[in-house]
Amino acid sequence: MFGAIVLMTPLPNIMMGGGSAACEVDTSDLSETAQEDIPPEMLELYKRHGEAVGVQWNVLAAVGKRETDHGRSELPGVQSGTNYAGAAGPMQFLISTWGGKARIPIPSEFNGYASDGDDDGVADVYNPADAILGAAKMLKRNGAPDDLRKALFVYNRANWYVDQVLEIAAKYAQSGSVDVPPEANPACEVAYDAPNAVVDRILDYALAQRGKPYVWGGTGPAGYDCSGIIYMAYRNAGLNIPRTTFGQWPFGVRIDAGEEQAGDLVFFNAGPGTSADNPGHVGMVVSPGKMVEARCTLCGPIKVTTYRDRSAIVGFTRPLQNPDVLEQLKRLALT
């Protein structure tokens, strides 16, 4: 991959795992050429990560073939170091496109497609499991599975390269087509429940505002109102939720009392014009019975308080389970 790449900036970089060990390779559309040419362990990775991300396995495999003969090439940059263009690993990522280093501990923040495809805690550009997942994410981000020519051209900015990859992909499919649809194999699906790193980032932001004043309508950095601190905490994690308490109440998935977790919201029937169906105050759960809140101008600065002894609780919600937020998590995971 030699072309210039526009790097994405994940906030935060949410890594996708390698999938369940129960994910089995579907050989229904494998041509004899594919079965003879692709090492079994590489084929499993192409299928697994292609299915999880939503990219044609045969296109992903064709990239691996064209770049390094599925990691078998002995040219510089495949097993270690880089080639003359700065590309590395079985899928030939530029180190800058991968994330700035060949091996990146997970979780951490970086710009790029570095991925931990085997859940060993390291995104290693030389590890086929990691590199193939990263390639799948890059193709998906740039147009696959629908606009393959665009996705492949971004991967390596040469029309001859795109033509060669599509030709190989057609040979790998028994149908002779590059339009093999990504399989919807549940065993290969990646869970998009918010990782601990996302919740931690939300909480870290909110707790860092302790001691600042309540400011009606405030979204920082000098002061916040009750919903403003929550809105900005989620925004700090790369997630967009409604700005006001009235918008946040119907947005999250309702949670039974006693089931609330860190990052969930607790709502109160408090303030002018509010009711049990239209709560006017909100806090963020930080631990069982504890929340961080910006309560009111006369109530003192932002702080952690108890909520179980408050009589006006309306209910709890979990914004991280809203379908729009789950889609945002997926997009962040593919950048």
Protein backbone atom coordinates (compact mmCIF):
# COMPACT_ATOMS: atom_id res chain seq x y z
CA MET A 1 0.00 0.00 0.00
CA PHE A 2 1.96 2.96 -1.25
CA GLY A 3 -0.58 5.75 -1.76
CA ALA A 4 -1.08 8.73 0.52
CA ILE A 5 -3.82 8.07 3.05
CA VAL A 6 -6.03 10.55 4.87
CA LEU A 7 -5.86 9.34 8.47
CA MET A 8 -8.94 9.22 10.64
CA THR A 9 -9.01 10.32 14.27
CA PRO A 10 -11.01 7.98 16.50
CA LEU A 11 -12.28 9.48 19.74
CA PRO A 12 -11.59 7.14 21.41
CA ASN A 13 -10.07 4.39 19.33
CA ILE A 14 -12.43 1.48 20.09
CA MET A 15 -10.84 -1.75 19.02
CA MET A 16 -12.74 -4.68 17.64
CA GLY A 17 -11.85 -8.15 18.81
CA GLY A 18 -10.99 -11.13 16.71
CA GLY A 19 -14.32 -12.89 16.97
CA SER A 20 -15.35 -16.08 18.66
CA ALA A 21 -13.43 -19.30 18.31
CA ALA A 22 -16.77 -20.80 17.22
CA CYS A 23 -16.67 -18.78 14.00
CA GLU A 24 -16.27 -21.39 11.29
CA VAL A 25 -15.07 -20.77 7.76
CA ASP A 26 -17.87 -21.02 5.21
CA THR A 27 -16.41 -22.66 2.11
CA SER A 28 -19.59 -22.51 0.03
CA ASP A 29 -18.20 -20.00 -2.45
CA LEU A 30 -14.52 -20.90 -2.35
CA SER A 31 -13.06 -21.75 -5.71
CA GLU A 32 -10.48 -24.49 -6.10
CA THR A 33 -7.95 -21.74 -6.75
CA ALA A 34 -8.70 -20.17 -3.37
CA GLN A 35 -8.52 -23.47 -1.51
CA GLU A 36 -5.20 -24.33 -3.12
CA ASP A 37 -3.63 -20.87 -2.86
CA ILE A 38 -4.73 -19.42 0.49
CA PRO A 39 -3.17 -20.89 3.66
CA PRO A 40 -5.99 -22.23 5.87
CA GLU A 41 -5.13 -19.99 8.80
CA MET A 42 -5.17 -16.91 6.56
CA LEU A 43 -8.43 -17.97 4.93
CA GLU A 44 -10.07 -18.22 8.34
CA LEU A 45 -8.93 -14.68 9.16
CA TYR A 46 -10.14 -13.25 5.85
CA LYS A 47 -13.53 -14.85 6.37
CA ARG A 48 -13.85 -14.01 10.05
CA HIS A 49 -12.83 -10.38 9.86
CA GLY A 50 -14.58 -9.83 6.54
CA GLU A 51 -17.83 -11.11 8.01
CA ALA A 52 -17.45 -9.15 11.23
CA VAL A 53 -16.73 -5.84 9.51
CA GLY A 54 -18.90 -6.34 6.41
CA VAL A 55 -16.33 -6.65 3.62
CA GLN A 56 -16.22 -9.33 0.92
CA TRP A 57 -13.83 -12.03 2.11
CA ASN A 58 -12.54 -12.66 -1.40
CA VAL A 59 -11.65 -8.98 -1.88
CA LEU A 60 -9.85 -8.94 1.45
CA ALA A 61 -8.01 -12.12 0.48
CA ALA A 62 -7.13 -10.65 -2.90
CA VAL A 63 -5.49 -7.68 -1.21
CA GLY A 64 -3.46 -10.08 0.93
CA LYS A 65 -2.44 -12.02 -2.17
CA ARG A 66 -1.44 -8.94 -4.15
CA GLU A 67 0.45 -7.33 -1.29
CA THR A 68 2.54 -10.21 0.11
CA ASP A 69 1.23 -13.55 -1.22
CA HIS A 70 -0.67 -14.00 2.06
CA GLY A 71 2.37 -13.16 4.14
CA ARG A 72 4.64 -15.66 2.39
CA SER A 73 6.72 -13.09 0.54
CA GLU A 74 10.34 -12.81 1.66
CA LEU A 75 10.64 -9.20 0.53
CA PRO A 76 11.62 -6.51 3.06
CA GLY A 77 8.83 -5.25 5.28
CA VAL A 78 6.69 -8.39 5.40
CA GLN A 79 8.00 -10.06 8.56
CA SER A 80 9.88 -7.08 10.02
CA GLY A 81 10.95 -3.56 9.16
CA THR A 82 9.46 -1.77 6.15
CA ASN A 83 9.91 -1.84 2.41
CA TYR A 84 11.28 1.05 0.37
CA ALA A 85 7.91 2.83 0.56
CA GLY A 86 7.53 2.43 4.32
CA ALA A 87 4.93 -0.35 4.19
CA ALA A 88 4.93 -3.23 6.67
CA GLY A 89 3.26 -6.53 7.47
CA PRO A 90 1.19 -9.01 5.47
CA MET A 91 -1.30 -6.32 4.39
CA GLN A 92 1.44 -3.71 3.79
CA PHE A 93 0.23 -0.85 5.93
CA LEU A 94 2.22 2.35 6.00
CA ILE A 95 3.32 2.70 9.60
CA SER A 96 1.75 6.16 9.69
CA THR A 97 -1.55 4.72 8.47
CA TRP A 98 -1.40 1.90 11.00
CA GLY A 99 -1.06 4.31 13.91
CA GLY A 100 2.49 5.64 14.04
CA LYS A 101 4.16 2.53 15.44
CA ALA A 102 4.33 -1.07 14.27
CA ARG A 103 3.12 -2.40 17.63
CA ILE A 104 0.60 -0.47 19.70
CA PRO A 105 -0.72 -1.55 23.13
CA ILE A 106 -4.49 -1.78 23.30
CA PRO A 107 -6.27 0.20 24.56
CA SER A 108 -4.52 3.43 23.62
CA GLU A 109 -5.23 6.44 21.44
CA PHE A 110 -3.78 6.94 17.98
CA ASN A 111 -4.66 7.96 14.44
CA GLY A 112 -4.95 4.97 12.15
CA TYR A 113 -6.32 1.51 11.52
CA ALA A 114 -4.27 -0.45 14.05
CA SER A 115 -6.39 -3.34 15.35
CA ASP A 116 -6.12 -6.17 17.83
CA GLY A 117 -7.57 -9.05 15.83
CA ASP A 118 -6.66 -11.84 18.25
CA ASP A 119 -7.33 -10.04 21.54
CA ASP A 120 -3.75 -10.34 22.80
CA GLY A 121 -3.60 -6.71 23.89
CA VAL A 122 -1.34 -5.53 21.05
CA ALA A 123 -2.14 -4.17 17.59
CA ASP A 124 0.81 -5.61 15.65
CA VAL A 125 1.15 -4.72 11.99
CA TYR A 126 3.13 -7.95 11.41
CA ASN A 127 0.46 -10.16 13.02
CA PRO A 128 -1.90 -11.44 10.29
CA ALA A 129 -4.89 -11.44 12.66
CA ASP A 130 -4.34 -7.76 13.44
CA ALA A 131 -3.34 -6.64 9.96
CA ILE A 132 -6.28 -8.33 8.22
CA LEU A 133 -8.77 -6.78 10.63
CA GLY A 134 -7.16 -3.39 10.08
CA ALA A 135 -7.38 -3.84 6.31
CA ALA A 136 -11.05 -4.81 6.55
CA LYS A 137 -11.76 -1.69 8.58
CA MET A 138 -9.91 0.51 6.10
CA LEU A 139 -11.76 -0.95 3.10
CA LYS A 140 -15.07 -0.57 4.91
CA ARG A 141 -14.32 3.01 5.87
CA ASN A 142 -13.59 3.92 2.27
CA GLY A 143 -16.53 2.36 0.44
CA ALA A 144 -16.60 -1.45 0.69
CA PRO A 145 -18.62 -3.54 0.18
CA ASP A 146 -20.53 -1.35 -2.30
CA ASP A 147 -17.90 0.86 -3.94
CA LEU A 148 -14.98 -1.54 -4.19
CA ARG A 149 -13.04 0.43 -6.76
CA LYS A 150 -13.02 3.48 -4.53
CA ALA A 151 -12.07 1.47 -1.44
CA LEU A 152 -9.22 -0.29 -3.22
CA PHE A 153 -7.98 2.90 -4.85
CA VAL A 154 -7.67 4.52 -1.42
CA TYR A 155 -5.79 1.43 -0.23
CA ASN A 156 -3.29 1.82 -3.07
CA ARG A 157 -3.79 4.76 -5.40
CA ALA A 158 -3.28 3.06 -8.75
CA ASN A 159 -5.92 1.85 -11.18
CA TRP A 160 -3.75 -1.08 -12.23
CA TYR A 161 -3.66 -2.18 -8.58
CA VAL A 162 -7.45 -2.02 -8.32
CA ASP A 163 -7.81 -4.07 -11.51
CA GLN A 164 -5.39 -6.73 -10.29
CA VAL A 165 -7.07 -7.10 -6.90
CA LEU A 166 -10.53 -7.42 -8.45
CA GLU A 167 -9.22 -10.03 -10.90
CA ILE A 168 -7.77 -12.09 -8.05
CA ALA A 169 -10.98 -11.71 -6.03
CA ALA A 170 -13.02 -13.08 -8.92
CA LYS A 171 -10.73 -16.11 -9.19
CA TYR A 172 -11.09 -16.82 -5.47
CA ALA A 173 -14.90 -17.03 -5.64
CA GLN A 174 -16.47 -20.15 -7.11
CA SER A 175 -19.05 -17.90 -8.71
CA GLY A 176 -16.30 -15.87 -10.36
CA SER A 177 -17.81 -12.71 -8.87
CA VAL A 178 -16.35 -9.94 -6.76
CA ASP A 179 -19.80 -9.24 -5.38
CA VAL A 180 -19.85 -12.10 -2.90
CA PRO A 181 -21.99 -10.59 -0.10
CA PRO A 182 -20.45 -10.41 3.36
CA GLU A 183 -21.77 -13.30 5.44
CA ALA A 184 -23.97 -12.48 8.42
CA ASN A 185 -22.44 -15.10 10.69
CA PRO A 186 -23.43 -14.31 14.31
CA ALA A 187 -20.38 -16.18 15.62
CA CYS A 188 -18.17 -13.70 13.79
CA GLU A 189 -20.04 -10.59 14.83
CA VAL A 190 -18.29 -8.06 16.98
CA ALA A 191 -20.16 -6.95 20.08
CA TYR A 192 -20.63 -3.20 20.06
CA ASP A 193 -21.58 -2.76 23.69
CA ALA A 194 -19.53 0.13 24.95
CA PRO A 195 -16.08 -1.05 26.03
CA ASN A 196 -14.84 -0.14 29.49
CA ALA A 197 -12.50 2.40 27.89
CA VAL A 198 -15.50 4.36 26.59
CA VAL A 199 -17.24 4.43 29.95
CA ASP A 200 -13.96 5.37 31.63
CA ARG A 201 -13.51 8.29 29.28
CA ILE A 202 -17.04 9.53 29.93
CA LEU A 203 -16.56 9.30 33.69
CA ASP A 204 -13.09 10.82 33.65
CA TYR A 205 -14.39 13.92 31.90
CA ALA A 206 -17.38 14.34 34.19
CA LEU A 207 -15.40 13.80 37.38
CA ALA A 208 -12.71 16.23 36.23
CA GLN A 209 -15.32 19.02 36.36
CA ARG A 210 -15.86 18.69 40.12
CA GLY A 211 -15.50 22.02 41.88
CA LYS A 212 -16.65 24.06 38.89
CA PRO A 213 -19.81 26.15 39.25
CA TYR A 214 -23.31 25.41 38.03
CA VAL A 215 -24.06 27.65 35.03
CA TRP A 216 -27.52 27.45 33.46
CA GLY A 217 -27.10 26.38 29.83
CA GLY A 218 -23.38 25.83 30.39
CA THR A 219 -21.32 23.33 28.43
CA GLY A 220 -17.95 24.32 29.86
CA PRO A 221 -15.20 24.72 30.28
CA ALA A 222 -15.87 27.29 33.02
CA GLY A 223 -19.20 25.85 34.19
CA TYR A 224 -22.04 23.49 33.31
CA ASP A 225 -25.68 22.83 33.94
CA CYS A 226 -26.98 19.36 34.79
CA SER A 227 -27.37 18.12 31.22
CA GLY A 228 -24.47 20.12 29.82
CA ILE A 229 -21.84 18.21 31.79
CA ILE A 230 -23.34 14.91 30.61
CA TYR A 231 -23.53 16.06 27.00
CA MET A 232 -19.89 17.11 27.04
CA ALA A 233 -18.73 13.94 28.84
CA TYR A 234 -20.24 11.79 26.10
CA ARG A 235 -18.89 14.12 23.45
CA ASN A 236 -15.44 13.67 24.97
CA ALA A 237 -15.80 9.96 24.18
CA GLY A 238 -16.70 10.73 20.55
CA LEU A 239 -20.44 10.18 21.09
CA ASN A 240 -23.31 12.54 20.35
CA ILE A 241 -26.38 12.57 22.61
CA PRO A 242 -29.08 15.23 23.10
CA ARG A 243 -28.01 18.45 24.80
CA THR A 244 -30.88 19.04 27.25
CA THR A 245 -32.42 17.03 30.08
CA PHE A 246 -35.72 16.96 28.19
CA GLY A 247 -33.95 15.43 25.21
CA GLN A 248 -31.80 13.03 27.20
CA TRP A 249 -34.73 11.49 29.11
CA PRO A 250 -36.40 9.75 26.11
CA PHE A 251 -33.06 9.09 24.38
CA GLY A 252 -31.58 6.38 26.60
CA VAL A 253 -32.87 2.85 27.11
CA ARG A 254 -34.82 2.61 30.39
CA ILE A 255 -33.04 0.72 33.18
CA ASP A 256 -34.70 -0.74 36.28
CA ALA A 257 -33.66 0.70 39.63
CA GLY A 258 -30.84 -1.39 41.02
CA GLU A 259 -29.56 -2.28 37.55
CA GLU A 260 -27.89 1.07 36.89
CA GLN A 261 -24.20 1.14 35.99
CA ALA A 262 -21.49 3.75 35.67
CA GLY A 263 -22.30 6.09 32.79
CA ASP A 264 -26.06 5.62 33.12
CA LEU A 265 -28.27 8.63 33.82
CA VAL A 266 -30.60 9.20 36.78
CA PHE A 267 -33.48 11.65 36.32
CA PHE A 268 -35.45 13.70 38.85
CA ASN A 269 -38.79 15.48 38.88
CA ALA A 270 -37.27 18.80 39.81
CA GLY A 271 -37.38 22.30 38.40
CA PRO A 272 -40.05 24.56 36.87
CA GLY A 273 -42.43 22.91 34.41
CA THR A 274 -41.23 19.37 35.06
CA SER A 275 -43.21 16.25 35.90
CA ALA A 276 -42.84 12.50 36.25
CA ASP A 277 -43.14 12.25 32.47
CA ASN A 278 -40.88 15.21 31.78
CA PRO A 279 -38.07 15.28 34.37
CA GLY A 280 -36.07 18.46 34.66
CA HIS A 281 -32.87 17.35 36.40
CA VAL A 282 -30.31 14.66 35.58
CA GLY A 283 -27.13 13.24 37.08
CA MET A 284 -24.62 10.63 35.90
CA VAL A 285 -24.15 7.40 37.84
CA VAL A 286 -20.52 6.87 38.85
CA SER A 287 -21.04 3.91 41.21
CA PRO A 288 -24.01 2.27 42.96
CA GLY A 289 -25.86 5.01 44.82
CA LYS A 290 -23.45 7.76 43.71
CA MET A 291 -23.71 10.30 40.91
CA VAL A 292 -21.88 13.34 39.66
CA GLU A 293 -24.19 16.30 39.17
CA ALA A 294 -24.40 20.00 38.49
CA ARG A 295 -27.49 20.66 40.61
CA CYS A 296 -28.26 24.37 40.81
CA THR A 297 -26.70 27.79 41.35
CA LEU A 298 -27.42 27.78 45.10
CA CYS A 299 -26.51 24.12 45.55
CA GLY A 300 -22.78 24.63 45.34
CA PRO A 301 -20.23 23.42 42.79
CA ILE A 302 -20.33 20.26 40.71
CA LYS A 303 -19.72 17.27 42.96
CA VAL A 304 -20.41 13.60 43.62
CA THR A 305 -23.55 13.06 45.68
CA THR A 306 -25.84 10.21 46.73
CA TYR A 307 -29.10 9.67 44.89
CA ARG A 308 -30.87 6.78 46.63
CA ASP A 309 -32.13 9.05 49.40
CA ARG A 310 -33.62 11.53 46.93
CA SER A 311 -37.42 11.28 46.78
CA ALA A 312 -37.96 12.75 43.33
CA ILE A 313 -36.23 10.06 41.23
CA VAL A 314 -38.16 9.43 38.02
CA GLY A 315 -35.98 6.69 36.57
CA PHE A 316 -32.72 5.58 35.00
CA THR A 317 -31.61 5.37 31.37
CA ARG A 318 -28.60 4.03 29.49
CA PRO A 319 -27.62 6.26 26.53
CA LEU A 320 -24.95 3.75 25.47
CA GLN A 321 -27.72 1.35 24.40
CA ASN A 322 -29.52 3.84 22.18
CA PRO A 323 -29.41 2.54 18.57
CA ASP A 324 -27.90 5.81 17.33
CA VAL A 325 -25.10 5.54 19.89
CA LEU A 326 -24.48 1.89 18.98
CA GLU A 327 -24.08 2.99 15.36
CA GLN A 328 -21.66 5.69 16.48
CA LEU A 329 -19.65 3.06 18.35
CA LYS A 330 -19.54 0.93 15.21
CA ARG A 331 -18.31 3.84 13.11
CA LEU A 332 -15.66 4.68 15.69
CA ALA A 333 -14.56 1.06 15.66
CA LEU A 334 -14.06 1.18 11.89
CA THR A 335 -11.97 4.34 11.81
